[in-house]
Amino acid sequence: MRTIHLAAVAATAFAFPASFAVADDIMASRYGNTTISTDANGVQTRTYYNADGTFTGKQGTENFAGTWKLDGGNVCLTFAPAPSKPSYSFCVPASAHKVGDTWAGVGSTVTLVKGIQ
């Protein structure tokens, strides 16, 4: 399941057009909203980003959490360890997006929707 989270969250978070900027915080449109990634098999991952650099999410009945930070043109996520899983991290290119947008992610379709869903 860890591999699914890695791919899904990477796709969920970051295939955005560079032309849209939100007051210097490219993640601002995420706060208080839901990023939904749907893979080719119809599996959905919902990710919730917070302004304090934390995130939570769920895929089916499995929950995940961790921290995120911007590093140049990338966003780096570190997943908190779970009882049977170690902590792990990865970085991917990032730029801003608007609520209501849908785009192609890595192996998925991604939508940013208003509110926590």
PDB file of N, CA and C in Angstrom:
ATOM      1  N   MET A   1       0.823  -1.182   0.000  1.00  0.00           N
ATOM      2  CA  MET A   1       0.000   0.000   0.000  1.00  0.00           C
ATOM      3  C   MET A   1       0.870   1.250   0.000  1.00  0.00           C
ATOM      4  N   ARG A   2       2.079   1.164   0.568  1.00  0.00           N
ATOM      5  CA  ARG A   2       2.981   2.309   0.620  1.00  0.00           C
ATOM      6  C   ARG A   2       3.289   2.824  -0.774  1.00  0.00           C
ATOM      7  N   THR A   3       3.502   1.937  -1.734  1.00  0.00           N
ATOM      8  CA  THR A   3       3.783   2.349  -3.104  1.00  0.00           C
ATOM      9  C   THR A   3       2.593   3.086  -3.688  1.00  0.00           C
ATOM     10  N   ILE A   4       1.391   2.625  -3.377  1.00  0.00           N
ATOM     11  CA  ILE A   4       0.193   3.304  -3.863  1.00  0.00           C
ATOM     12  C   ILE A   4       0.154   4.712  -3.308  1.00  0.00           C
ATOM     13  N   HIS A   5       0.426   4.880  -2.009  1.00  0.00           N
ATOM     14  CA  HIS A   5       0.421   6.222  -1.426  1.00  0.00           C
ATOM     15  C   HIS A   5       1.431   7.116  -2.109  1.00  0.00           C
ATOM     16  N   LEU A   6       2.631   6.615  -2.302  1.00  0.00           N
ATOM     17  CA  LEU A   6       3.683   7.402  -2.931  1.00  0.00           C
ATOM     18  C   LEU A   6       3.241   7.893  -4.297  1.00  0.00           C
ATOM     19  N   ALA A   7       2.766   7.008  -5.141  1.00  0.00           N
ATOM     20  CA  ALA A   7       2.345   7.392  -6.483  1.00  0.00           C
ATOM     21  C   ALA A   7       1.113   8.286  -6.445  1.00  0.00           C
ATOM     22  N   ALA A   8       0.159   7.924  -5.621  1.00  0.00           N
ATOM     23  CA  ALA A   8      -1.084   8.676  -5.579  1.00  0.00           C
ATOM     24  C   ALA A   8      -0.879  10.076  -5.029  1.00  0.00           C
ATOM     25  N   VAL A   9      -0.140  10.209  -3.966  1.00  0.00           N
ATOM     26  CA  VAL A   9       0.071  11.528  -3.398  1.00  0.00           C
ATOM     27  C   VAL A   9       0.932  12.381  -4.319  1.00  0.00           C
ATOM     28  N   ALA A  10       1.923  11.774  -4.942  1.00  0.00           N
ATOM     29  CA  ALA A  10       2.735  12.524  -5.895  1.00  0.00           C
ATOM     30  C   ALA A  10       1.863  13.054  -7.013  1.00  0.00           C
ATOM     31  N   ALA A  11       1.015  12.216  -7.541  1.00  0.00           N
ATOM     32  CA  ALA A  11       0.118  12.636  -8.611  1.00  0.00           C
ATOM     33  C   ALA A  11      -0.891  13.641  -8.093  1.00  0.00           C
ATOM     34  N   THR A  12      -1.359  13.413  -6.876  1.00  0.00           N
ATOM     35  CA  THR A  12      -2.351  14.284  -6.272  1.00  0.00           C
ATOM     36  C   THR A  12      -1.849  15.688  -6.100  1.00  0.00           C
ATOM     37  N   ALA A  13      -0.623  15.809  -5.708  1.00  0.00           N
ATOM     38  CA  ALA A  13      -0.155  17.101  -5.277  1.00  0.00           C
ATOM     39  C   ALA A  13       0.375  17.982  -6.369  1.00  0.00           C
ATOM     40  N   PHE A  14       0.884  17.459  -7.467  1.00  0.00           N
ATOM     41  CA  PHE A  14       1.828  18.308  -8.135  1.00  0.00           C
ATOM     42  C   PHE A  14       1.897  18.399  -9.631  1.00  0.00           C
ATOM     43  N   ALA A  15       0.998  18.229 -10.402  1.00  0.00           N
ATOM     44  CA  ALA A  15       1.162  18.483 -11.827  1.00  0.00           C
ATOM     45  C   ALA A  15       0.394  19.752 -12.172  1.00  0.00           C
ATOM     46  N   PHE A  16       0.968  20.900 -11.876  1.00  0.00           N
ATOM     47  CA  PHE A  16       0.256  22.158 -12.004  1.00  0.00           C
ATOM     48  C   PHE A  16       0.896  23.098 -12.997  1.00  0.00           C
ATOM     49  N   PRO A  17       0.106  23.947 -13.638  1.00  0.00           N
ATOM     50  CA  PRO A  17       0.687  24.942 -14.530  1.00  0.00           C
ATOM     51  C   PRO A  17       1.420  26.020 -13.745  1.00  0.00           C
ATOM     52  N   ALA A  18       2.583  26.390 -14.206  1.00  0.00           N
ATOM     53  CA  ALA A  18       3.397  27.380 -13.518  1.00  0.00           C
ATOM     54  C   ALA A  18       2.838  28.789 -13.656  1.00  0.00           C
ATOM     55  N   SER A  19       1.879  28.991 -14.516  1.00  0.00           N
ATOM     56  CA  SER A  19       1.375  30.331 -14.781  1.00  0.00           C
ATOM     57  C   SER A  19       0.469  30.865 -13.679  1.00  0.00           C
ATOM     58  N   PHE A  20       0.009  30.013 -12.770  1.00  0.00           N
ATOM     59  CA  PHE A  20      -0.909  30.451 -11.726  1.00  0.00           C
ATOM     60  C   PHE A  20      -0.149  30.610 -10.426  1.00  0.00           C
ATOM     61  N   ALA A  21      -0.146  31.778  -9.851  1.00  0.00           N
ATOM     62  CA  ALA A  21       0.549  32.002  -8.581  1.00  0.00           C
ATOM     63  C   ALA A  21      -0.426  32.546  -7.558  1.00  0.00           C
ATOM     64  N   VAL A  22      -0.298  32.112  -6.317  1.00  0.00           N
ATOM     65  CA  VAL A  22      -1.162  32.566  -5.243  1.00  0.00           C
ATOM     66  C   VAL A  22      -0.287  33.229  -4.184  1.00  0.00           C
ATOM     67  N   ALA A  23      -0.140  34.525  -4.247  1.00  0.00           N
ATOM     68  CA  ALA A  23       0.560  35.319  -3.236  1.00  0.00           C
ATOM     69  C   ALA A  23       1.796  34.625  -2.689  1.00  0.00           C
ATOM     70  N   ASP A  24       2.649  34.157  -3.540  1.00  0.00           N
ATOM     71  CA  ASP A  24       3.908  33.527  -3.176  1.00  0.00           C
ATOM     72  C   ASP A  24       3.783  32.156  -2.510  1.00  0.00           C
ATOM     73  N   ASP A  25       2.610  31.714  -2.164  1.00  0.00           N
ATOM     74  CA  ASP A  25       2.437  30.394  -1.553  1.00  0.00           C
ATOM     75  C   ASP A  25       1.705  29.503  -2.543  1.00  0.00           C
ATOM     76  N   ILE A  26       2.456  28.690  -3.249  1.00  0.00           N
ATOM     77  CA  ILE A  26       1.857  27.854  -4.292  1.00  0.00           C
ATOM     78  C   ILE A  26       0.957  26.766  -3.727  1.00  0.00           C
ATOM     79  N   MET A  27       0.981  26.570  -2.433  1.00  0.00           N
ATOM     80  CA  MET A  27       0.122  25.561  -1.809  1.00  0.00           C
ATOM     81  C   MET A  27      -1.146  26.168  -1.205  1.00  0.00           C
ATOM     82  N   ALA A  28      -1.303  27.484  -1.238  1.00  0.00           N
ATOM     83  CA  ALA A  28      -2.399  28.163  -0.556  1.00  0.00           C
ATOM     84  C   ALA A  28      -3.781  27.646  -0.952  1.00  0.00           C
ATOM     85  N   SER A  29      -3.978  27.297  -2.201  1.00  0.00           N
ATOM     86  CA  SER A  29      -5.300  26.829  -2.622  1.00  0.00           C
ATOM     87  C   SER A  29      -5.645  25.470  -2.024  1.00  0.00           C
ATOM     88  N   ARG A  30      -4.681  24.775  -1.470  1.00  0.00           N
ATOM     89  CA  ARG A  30      -4.903  23.461  -0.853  1.00  0.00           C
ATOM     90  C   ARG A  30      -5.474  23.541   0.551  1.00  0.00           C
ATOM     91  N   TYR A  31      -5.134  24.599   1.282  1.00  0.00           N
ATOM     92  CA  TYR A  31      -5.517  24.680   2.682  1.00  0.00           C
ATOM     93  C   TYR A  31      -7.035  24.748   2.826  1.00  0.00           C
ATOM     94  N   GLY A  32      -7.589  23.828   3.608  1.00  0.00           N
ATOM     95  CA  GLY A  32      -9.031  23.786   3.822  1.00  0.00           C
ATOM     96  C   GLY A  32      -9.792  23.142   2.682  1.00  0.00           C
ATOM     97  N   ASN A  33      -9.081  22.592   1.714  1.00  0.00           N
ATOM     98  CA  ASN A  33      -9.705  21.940   0.566  1.00  0.00           C
ATOM     99  C   ASN A  33      -9.196  20.508   0.423  1.00  0.00           C
ATOM    100  N   THR A  34      -9.727  19.789  -0.540  1.00  0.00           N
ATOM    101  CA  THR A  34      -9.391  18.380  -0.731  1.00  0.00           C
ATOM    102  C   THR A  34      -8.801  18.160  -2.112  1.00  0.00           C
ATOM    103  N   THR A  35      -7.664  17.504  -2.145  1.00  0.00           N
ATOM    104  CA  THR A  35      -7.037  17.117  -3.402  1.00  0.00           C
ATOM    105  C   THR A  35      -7.346  15.641  -3.609  1.00  0.00           C
ATOM    106  N   ILE A  36      -8.059  15.325  -4.689  1.00  0.00           N
ATOM    107  CA  ILE A  36      -8.483  13.949  -4.961  1.00  0.00           C
ATOM    108  C   ILE A  36      -7.752  13.420  -6.185  1.00  0.00           C
ATOM    109  N   SER A  37      -7.083  12.307  -6.008  1.00  0.00           N
ATOM    110  CA  SER A  37      -6.394  11.628  -7.104  1.00  0.00           C
ATOM    111  C   SER A  37      -7.105  10.311  -7.356  1.00  0.00           C
ATOM    112  N   THR A  38      -7.453  10.063  -8.612  1.00  0.00           N
ATOM    113  CA  THR A  38      -8.106   8.808  -8.986  1.00  0.00           C
ATOM    114  C   THR A  38      -7.211   8.095  -9.980  1.00  0.00           C
ATOM    115  N   ASP A  39      -6.755   6.885  -9.603  1.00  0.00           N
ATOM    116  CA  ASP A  39      -5.854   6.151 -10.494  1.00  0.00           C
ATOM    117  C   ASP A  39      -6.634   5.402 -11.577  1.00  0.00           C
ATOM    118  N   ALA A  40      -5.927   4.725 -12.457  1.00  0.00           N
ATOM    119  CA  ALA A  40      -6.542   4.029 -13.596  1.00  0.00           C
ATOM    120  C   ALA A  40      -7.507   2.926 -13.162  1.00  0.00           C
ATOM    121  N   ASN A  41      -7.345   2.416 -11.935  1.00  0.00           N
ATOM    122  CA  ASN A  41      -8.243   1.376 -11.421  1.00  0.00           C
ATOM    123  C   ASN A  41      -9.417   1.959 -10.652  1.00  0.00           C
ATOM    124  N   GLY A  42      -9.526   3.274 -10.608  1.00  0.00           N
ATOM    125  CA  GLY A  42     -10.621   3.930  -9.903  1.00  0.00           C
ATOM    126  C   GLY A  42     -10.376   4.135  -8.413  1.00  0.00           C
ATOM    127  N   VAL A  43      -9.182   3.821  -7.929  1.00  0.00           N
ATOM    128  CA  VAL A  43      -8.858   4.010  -6.515  1.00  0.00           C
ATOM    129  C   VAL A  43      -8.611   5.493  -6.255  1.00  0.00           C
ATOM    130  N   GLN A  44      -9.317   6.032  -5.263  1.00  0.00           N
ATOM    131  CA  GLN A  44      -9.171   7.447  -4.932  1.00  0.00           C
ATOM    132  C   GLN A  44      -8.315   7.643  -3.690  1.00  0.00           C
ATOM    133  N   THR A  45      -7.485   8.669  -3.756  1.00  0.00           N
ATOM    134  CA  THR A  45      -6.705   9.108  -2.609  1.00  0.00           C
ATOM    135  C   THR A  45      -7.072  10.559  -2.359  1.00  0.00           C
ATOM    136  N   ARG A  46      -7.419  10.860  -1.114  1.00  0.00           N
ATOM    137  CA  ARG A  46      -7.779  12.225  -0.725  1.00  0.00           C
ATOM    138  C   ARG A  46      -6.695  12.757   0.191  1.00  0.00           C
ATOM    139  N   THR A  47      -6.161  13.936  -0.158  1.00  0.00           N
ATOM    140  CA  THR A  47      -5.082  14.530   0.622  1.00  0.00           C
ATOM    141  C   THR A  47      -5.496  15.927   1.063  1.00  0.00           C
ATOM    142  N   TYR A  48      -5.182  16.241   2.334  1.00  0.00           N
ATOM    143  CA  TYR A  48      -5.553  17.505   2.952  1.00  0.00           C
ATOM    144  C   TYR A  48      -4.282  18.191   3.449  1.00  0.00           C
ATOM    145  N   TYR A  49      -3.926  19.314   2.829  1.00  0.00           N
ATOM    146  CA  TYR A  49      -2.723  20.061   3.183  1.00  0.00           C
ATOM    147  C   TYR A  49      -3.068  21.185   4.143  1.00  0.00           C
ATOM    148  N   ASN A  50      -2.197  21.409   5.118  1.00  0.00           N
ATOM    149  CA  ASN A  50      -2.380  22.471   6.106  1.00  0.00           C
ATOM    150  C   ASN A  50      -1.264  23.509   5.965  1.00  0.00           C
ATOM    151  N   ALA A  51      -1.588  24.764   6.288  1.00  0.00           N
ATOM    152  CA  ALA A  51      -0.617  25.853   6.182  1.00  0.00           C
ATOM    153  C   ALA A  51       0.567  25.670   7.121  1.00  0.00           C
ATOM    154  N   ASP A  52       0.411  24.854   8.162  1.00  0.00           N
ATOM    155  CA  ASP A  52       1.506  24.646   9.118  1.00  0.00           C
ATOM    156  C   ASP A  52       2.531  23.617   8.645  1.00  0.00           C
ATOM    157  N   GLY A  53       2.392  23.139   7.396  1.00  0.00           N
ATOM    158  CA  GLY A  53       3.354  22.182   6.852  1.00  0.00           C
ATOM    159  C   GLY A  53       3.040  20.733   7.147  1.00  0.00           C
ATOM    160  N   THR A  54       1.818  20.456   7.570  1.00  0.00           N
ATOM    161  CA  THR A  54       1.401  19.073   7.786  1.00  0.00           C
ATOM    162  C   THR A  54       0.374  18.677   6.737  1.00  0.00           C
ATOM    163  N   PHE A  55       0.186  17.388   6.556  1.00  0.00           N
ATOM    164  CA  PHE A  55      -0.883  16.889   5.703  1.00  0.00           C
ATOM    165  C   PHE A  55      -1.434  15.610   6.311  1.00  0.00           C
ATOM    166  N   THR A  56      -2.673  15.314   5.941  1.00  0.00           N
ATOM    167  CA  THR A  56      -3.304  14.042   6.275  1.00  0.00           C
ATOM    168  C   THR A  56      -3.990  13.564   5.015  1.00  0.00           C
ATOM    169  N   GLY A  57      -4.421  12.329   5.027  1.00  0.00           N
ATOM    170  CA  GLY A  57      -5.139  11.819   3.874  1.00  0.00           C
ATOM    171  C   GLY A  57      -5.700  10.449   4.131  1.00  0.00           C
ATOM    172  N   LYS A  58      -6.406   9.966   3.136  1.00  0.00           N
ATOM    173  CA  LYS A  58      -6.962   8.618   3.240  1.00  0.00           C
ATOM    174  C   LYS A  58      -7.080   8.008   1.855  1.00  0.00           C
ATOM    175  N   GLN A  59      -6.937   6.710   1.845  1.00  0.00           N
ATOM    176  CA  GLN A  59      -7.120   5.919   0.632  1.00  0.00           C
ATOM    177  C   GLN A  59      -7.913   4.704   1.079  1.00  0.00           C
ATOM    178  N   GLY A  60      -9.170   4.650   0.662  1.00  0.00           N
ATOM    179  CA  GLY A  60     -10.045   3.592   1.160  1.00  0.00           C
ATOM    180  C   GLY A  60     -10.212   3.757   2.662  1.00  0.00           C
ATOM    181  N   THR A  61      -9.906   2.703   3.423  1.00  0.00           N
ATOM    182  CA  THR A  61     -10.012   2.765   4.876  1.00  0.00           C
ATOM    183  C   THR A  61      -8.679   3.089   5.547  1.00  0.00           C
ATOM    184  N   GLU A  62      -7.631   3.259   4.761  1.00  0.00           N
ATOM    185  CA  GLU A  62      -6.306   3.531   5.313  1.00  0.00           C
ATOM    186  C   GLU A  62      -6.051   5.038   5.377  1.00  0.00           C
ATOM    187  N   ASN A  63      -5.608   5.499   6.546  1.00  0.00           N
ATOM    188  CA  ASN A  63      -5.265   6.907   6.746  1.00  0.00           C
ATOM    189  C   ASN A  63      -3.758   7.074   6.712  1.00  0.00           C
ATOM    190  N   PHE A  64      -3.299   8.273   6.343  1.00  0.00           N
ATOM    191  CA  PHE A  64      -1.877   8.587   6.373  1.00  0.00           C
ATOM    192  C   PHE A  64      -1.707  10.037   6.789  1.00  0.00           C
ATOM    193  N   ALA A  65      -0.506  10.392   7.209  1.00  0.00           N
ATOM    194  CA  ALA A  65      -0.221  11.745   7.671  1.00  0.00           C
ATOM    195  C   ALA A  65       1.270  12.003   7.540  1.00  0.00           C
ATOM    196  N   GLY A  66       1.631  13.262   7.641  1.00  0.00           N
ATOM    197  CA  GLY A  66       3.045  13.610   7.591  1.00  0.00           C
ATOM    198  C   GLY A  66       3.234  15.106   7.508  1.00  0.00           C
ATOM    199  N   THR A  67       4.413  15.486   7.027  1.00  0.00           N
ATOM    200  CA  THR A  67       4.757  16.893   6.869  1.00  0.00           C
ATOM    201  C   THR A  67       5.174  17.152   5.430  1.00  0.00           C
ATOM    202  N   TRP A  68       5.006  18.403   5.002  1.00  0.00           N
ATOM    203  CA  TRP A  68       5.438  18.798   3.667  1.00  0.00           C
ATOM    204  C   TRP A  68       6.225  20.107   3.797  1.00  0.00           C
ATOM    205  N   LYS A  69       7.116  20.338   2.811  1.00  0.00           N
ATOM    206  CA  LYS A  69       7.828  21.614   2.745  1.00  0.00           C
ATOM    207  C   LYS A  69       8.186  21.889   1.296  1.00  0.00           C
ATOM    208  N   LEU A  70       8.285  23.152   0.963  1.00  0.00           N
ATOM    209  CA  LEU A  70       8.724  23.563  -0.362  1.00  0.00           C
ATOM    210  C   LEU A  70      10.238  23.635  -0.366  1.00  0.00           C
ATOM    211  N   ASP A  71      10.833  23.145  -1.438  1.00  0.00           N
ATOM    212  CA  ASP A  71      12.282  23.155  -1.594  1.00  0.00           C
ATOM    213  C   ASP A  71      12.565  23.549  -3.035  1.00  0.00           C
ATOM    214  N   GLY A  72      12.773  24.838  -3.261  1.00  0.00           N
ATOM    215  CA  GLY A  72      12.925  25.327  -4.635  1.00  0.00           C
ATOM    216  C   GLY A  72      11.603  25.138  -5.373  1.00  0.00           C
ATOM    217  N   GLY A  73      11.638  24.493  -6.516  1.00  0.00           N
ATOM    218  CA  GLY A  73      10.441  24.222  -7.299  1.00  0.00           C
ATOM    219  C   GLY A  73       9.797  22.890  -6.965  1.00  0.00           C
ATOM    220  N   ASN A  74      10.177  22.298  -5.851  1.00  0.00           N
ATOM    221  CA  ASN A  74       9.628  20.999  -5.443  1.00  0.00           C
ATOM    222  C   ASN A  74       8.880  21.120  -4.128  1.00  0.00           C
ATOM    223  N   VAL A  75       7.982  20.196  -3.929  1.00  0.00           N
ATOM    224  CA  VAL A  75       7.387  20.009  -2.617  1.00  0.00           C
ATOM    225  C   VAL A  75       7.836  18.631  -2.149  1.00  0.00           C
ATOM    226  N   CYS A  76       8.286  18.568  -0.916  1.00  0.00           N
ATOM    227  CA  CYS A  76       8.791  17.317  -0.353  1.00  0.00           C
ATOM    228  C   CYS A  76       7.865  16.872   0.762  1.00  0.00           C
ATOM    229  N   LEU A  77       7.421  15.632   0.676  1.00  0.00           N
ATOM    230  CA  LEU A  77       6.533  15.060   1.676  1.00  0.00           C
ATOM    231  C   LEU A  77       7.270  13.999   2.468  1.00  0.00           C
ATOM    232  N   THR A  78       7.080  14.036   3.778  1.00  0.00           N
ATOM    233  CA  THR A  78       7.607  13.002   4.658  1.00  0.00           C
ATOM    234  C   THR A  78       6.417  12.379   5.367  1.00  0.00           C
ATOM    235  N   PHE A  79       6.220  11.097   5.120  1.00  0.00           N
ATOM    236  CA  PHE A  79       5.112  10.378   5.732  1.00  0.00           C
ATOM    237  C   PHE A  79       5.513   9.918   7.120  1.00  0.00           C
ATOM    238  N   ALA A  80       4.633  10.140   8.087  1.00  0.00           N
ATOM    239  CA  ALA A  80       4.887   9.707   9.454  1.00  0.00           C
ATOM    240  C   ALA A  80       4.851   8.183   9.500  1.00  0.00           C
ATOM    241  N   PRO A  81       5.658   7.613  10.385  1.00  0.00           N
ATOM    242  CA  PRO A  81       5.643   6.149  10.484  1.00  0.00           C
ATOM    243  C   PRO A  81       4.294   5.655  10.995  1.00  0.00           C
ATOM    244  N   ALA A  82       3.891   4.515  10.512  1.00  0.00           N
ATOM    245  CA  ALA A  82       2.689   3.832  10.983  1.00  0.00           C
ATOM    246  C   ALA A  82       3.162   2.597  11.742  1.00  0.00           C
ATOM    247  N   PRO A  83       2.278   1.925  12.468  1.00  0.00           N
ATOM    248  CA  PRO A  83       2.716   0.776  13.266  1.00  0.00           C
ATOM    249  C   PRO A  83       3.571  -0.239  12.504  1.00  0.00           C
ATOM    250  N   SER A  84       3.237  -0.508  11.277  1.00  0.00           N
ATOM    251  CA  SER A  84       3.997  -1.519  10.526  1.00  0.00           C
ATOM    252  C   SER A  84       4.798  -0.925   9.364  1.00  0.00           C
ATOM    253  N   LYS A  85       4.892   0.416   9.303  1.00  0.00           N
ATOM    254  CA  LYS A  85       5.579   1.062   8.186  1.00  0.00           C
ATOM    255  C   LYS A  85       6.547   2.116   8.696  1.00  0.00           C
ATOM    256  N   PRO A  86       7.734   2.187   8.118  1.00  0.00           N
ATOM    257  CA  PRO A  86       8.681   3.236   8.520  1.00  0.00           C
ATOM    258  C   PRO A  86       8.297   4.576   7.889  1.00  0.00           C
ATOM    259  N   SER A  87       8.898   5.629   8.376  1.00  0.00           N
ATOM    260  CA  SER A  87       8.749   6.938   7.756  1.00  0.00           C
ATOM    261  C   SER A  87       9.434   6.908   6.391  1.00  0.00           C
ATOM    262  N   TYR A  88       8.916   7.630   5.433  1.00  0.00           N
ATOM    263  CA  TYR A  88       9.573   7.756   4.135  1.00  0.00           C
ATOM    264  C   TYR A  88       9.242   9.108   3.527  1.00  0.00           C
ATOM    265  N   SER A  89      10.093   9.548   2.598  1.00  0.00           N
ATOM    266  CA  SER A  89       9.964  10.870   1.997  1.00  0.00           C
ATOM    267  C   SER A  89      10.165  10.811   0.495  1.00  0.00           C
ATOM    268  N   PHE A  90       9.650  11.818  -0.184  1.00  0.00           N
ATOM    269  CA  PHE A  90       9.930  12.016  -1.596  1.00  0.00           C
ATOM    270  C   PHE A  90       9.632  13.457  -1.966  1.00  0.00           C
ATOM    271  N   CYS A  91      10.231  13.922  -3.048  1.00  0.00           N
ATOM    272  CA  CYS A  91      10.015  15.278  -3.548  1.00  0.00           C
ATOM    273  C   CYS A  91       9.579  15.208  -5.005  1.00  0.00           C
ATOM    274  N   VAL A  92       8.690  16.122  -5.378  1.00  0.00           N
ATOM    275  CA  VAL A  92       8.217  16.207  -6.760  1.00  0.00           C
ATOM    276  C   VAL A  92       8.062  17.679  -7.136  1.00  0.00           C
ATOM    277  N   PRO A  93       8.110  17.997  -8.421  1.00  0.00           N
ATOM    278  CA  PRO A  93       7.884  19.378  -8.862  1.00  0.00           C
ATOM    279  C   PRO A  93       6.497  19.865  -8.442  1.00  0.00           C
ATOM    280  N   ALA A  94       6.399  21.136  -8.106  1.00  0.00           N
ATOM    281  CA  ALA A  94       5.126  21.694  -7.657  1.00  0.00           C
ATOM    282  C   ALA A  94       4.930  23.109  -8.159  1.00  0.00           C
ATOM    283  N   SER A  95       3.682  23.462  -8.377  1.00  0.00           N
ATOM    284  CA  SER A  95       3.268  24.831  -8.657  1.00  0.00           C
ATOM    285  C   SER A  95       1.802  24.952  -8.276  1.00  0.00           C
ATOM    286  N   ALA A  96       1.266  26.142  -8.301  1.00  0.00           N
ATOM    287  CA  ALA A  96      -0.079  26.408  -7.794  1.00  0.00           C
ATOM    288  C   ALA A  96      -1.185  25.896  -8.719  1.00  0.00           C
ATOM    289  N   HIS A  97      -2.370  25.736  -8.129  1.00  0.00           N
ATOM    290  CA  HIS A  97      -3.573  25.374  -8.863  1.00  0.00           C
ATOM    291  C   HIS A  97      -4.774  25.988  -8.184  1.00  0.00           C
ATOM    292  N   LYS A  98      -5.924  26.040  -8.884  1.00  0.00           N
ATOM    293  CA  LYS A  98      -7.144  26.640  -8.365  1.00  0.00           C
ATOM    294  C   LYS A  98      -8.142  25.562  -7.960  1.00  0.00           C
ATOM    295  N   VAL A  99      -8.979  25.878  -6.951  1.00  0.00           N
ATOM    296  CA  VAL A  99     -10.092  25.014  -6.585  1.00  0.00           C
ATOM    297  C   VAL A  99     -10.986  24.854  -7.813  1.00  0.00           C
ATOM    298  N   GLY A 100     -11.392  23.644  -8.092  1.00  0.00           N
ATOM    299  CA  GLY A 100     -12.238  23.346  -9.248  1.00  0.00           C
ATOM    300  C   GLY A 100     -11.462  22.814 -10.432  1.00  0.00           C
ATOM    301  N   ASP A 101     -10.147  22.950 -10.430  1.00  0.00           N
ATOM    302  CA  ASP A 101      -9.334  22.446 -11.542  1.00  0.00           C
ATOM    303  C   ASP A 101      -9.209  20.928 -11.494  1.00  0.00           C
ATOM    304  N   THR A 102      -9.135  20.341 -12.674  1.00  0.00           N
ATOM    305  CA  THR A 102      -8.840  18.917 -12.844  1.00  0.00           C
ATOM    306  C   THR A 102      -7.702  18.826 -13.837  1.00  0.00           C
ATOM    307  N   TRP A 103      -6.737  17.935 -13.569  1.00  0.00           N
ATOM    308  CA  TRP A 103      -5.569  17.804 -14.438  1.00  0.00           C
ATOM    309  C   TRP A 103      -5.066  16.368 -14.420  1.00  0.00           C
ATOM    310  N   ALA A 104      -4.197  16.077 -15.366  1.00  0.00           N
ATOM    311  CA  ALA A 104      -3.574  14.752 -15.434  1.00  0.00           C
ATOM    312  C   ALA A 104      -2.382  14.730 -14.497  1.00  0.00           C
ATOM    313  N   GLY A 105      -2.378  13.774 -13.588  1.00  0.00           N
ATOM    314  CA  GLY A 105      -1.245  13.556 -12.703  1.00  0.00           C
ATOM    315  C   GLY A 105      -0.430  12.381 -13.228  1.00  0.00           C
ATOM    316  N   VAL A 106       0.470  11.905 -12.415  1.00  0.00           N
ATOM    317  CA  VAL A 106       1.287  10.751 -12.776  1.00  0.00           C
ATOM    318  C   VAL A 106       0.430   9.499 -12.581  1.00  0.00           C
ATOM    319  N   GLY A 107      -0.104   8.966 -13.675  1.00  0.00           N
ATOM    320  CA  GLY A 107      -0.929   7.761 -13.596  1.00  0.00           C
ATOM    321  C   GLY A 107      -2.298   7.978 -12.979  1.00  0.00           C
ATOM    322  N   SER A 108      -2.761   9.213 -12.933  1.00  0.00           N
ATOM    323  CA  SER A 108      -4.057   9.475 -12.313  1.00  0.00           C
ATOM    324  C   SER A 108      -4.656  10.768 -12.852  1.00  0.00           C
ATOM    325  N   THR A 109      -5.921  10.968 -12.490  1.00  0.00           N
ATOM    326  CA  THR A 109      -6.600  12.230 -12.731  1.00  0.00           C
ATOM    327  C   THR A 109      -6.754  12.897 -11.378  1.00  0.00           C
ATOM    328  N   VAL A 110      -6.453  14.184 -11.308  1.00  0.00           N
ATOM    329  CA  VAL A 110      -6.437  14.893 -10.040  1.00  0.00           C
ATOM    330  C   VAL A 110      -7.424  16.049 -10.099  1.00  0.00           C
ATOM    331  N   THR A 111      -8.158  16.244  -8.989  1.00  0.00           N
ATOM    332  CA  THR A 111      -9.103  17.336  -8.884  1.00  0.00           C
ATOM    333  C   THR A 111      -8.929  18.006  -7.531  1.00  0.00           C
ATOM    334  N   LEU A 112      -8.924  19.320  -7.525  1.00  0.00           N
ATOM    335  CA  LEU A 112      -8.900  20.086  -6.285  1.00  0.00           C
ATOM    336  C   LEU A 112     -10.311  20.565  -6.029  1.00  0.00           C
ATOM    337  N   VAL A 113     -10.923  20.098  -4.929  1.00  0.00           N
ATOM    338  CA  VAL A 113     -12.315  20.447  -4.635  1.00  0.00           C
ATOM    339  C   VAL A 113     -12.408  21.285  -3.369  1.00  0.00           C
ATOM    340  N   LYS A 114     -13.453  22.095  -3.312  1.00  0.00           N
ATOM    341  CA  LYS A 114     -13.658  22.999  -2.183  1.00  0.00           C
ATOM    342  C   LYS A 114     -14.039  22.223  -0.926  1.00  0.00           C
ATOM    343  N   GLY A 115     -13.429  22.585   0.173  1.00  0.00           N
ATOM    344  CA  GLY A 115     -13.764  22.018   1.470  1.00  0.00           C
ATOM    345  C   GLY A 115     -13.112  20.657   1.721  1.00  0.00           C
ATOM    346  N   ILE A 116     -13.354  20.154   2.911  1.00  0.00           N
ATOM    347  CA  ILE A 116     -12.840  18.850   3.311  1.00  0.00           C
ATOM    348  C   ILE A 116     -13.896  17.808   2.967  1.00  0.00           C
ATOM    349  N   GLN A 117     -13.546  16.941   2.057  1.00  0.00           N
ATOM    350  CA  GLN A 117     -14.506  15.922   1.591  1.00  0.00           C
ATOM    351  C   GLN A 117     -13.926  14.536   1.731  1.00  0.00           C
TER     352      GLN A 117
END
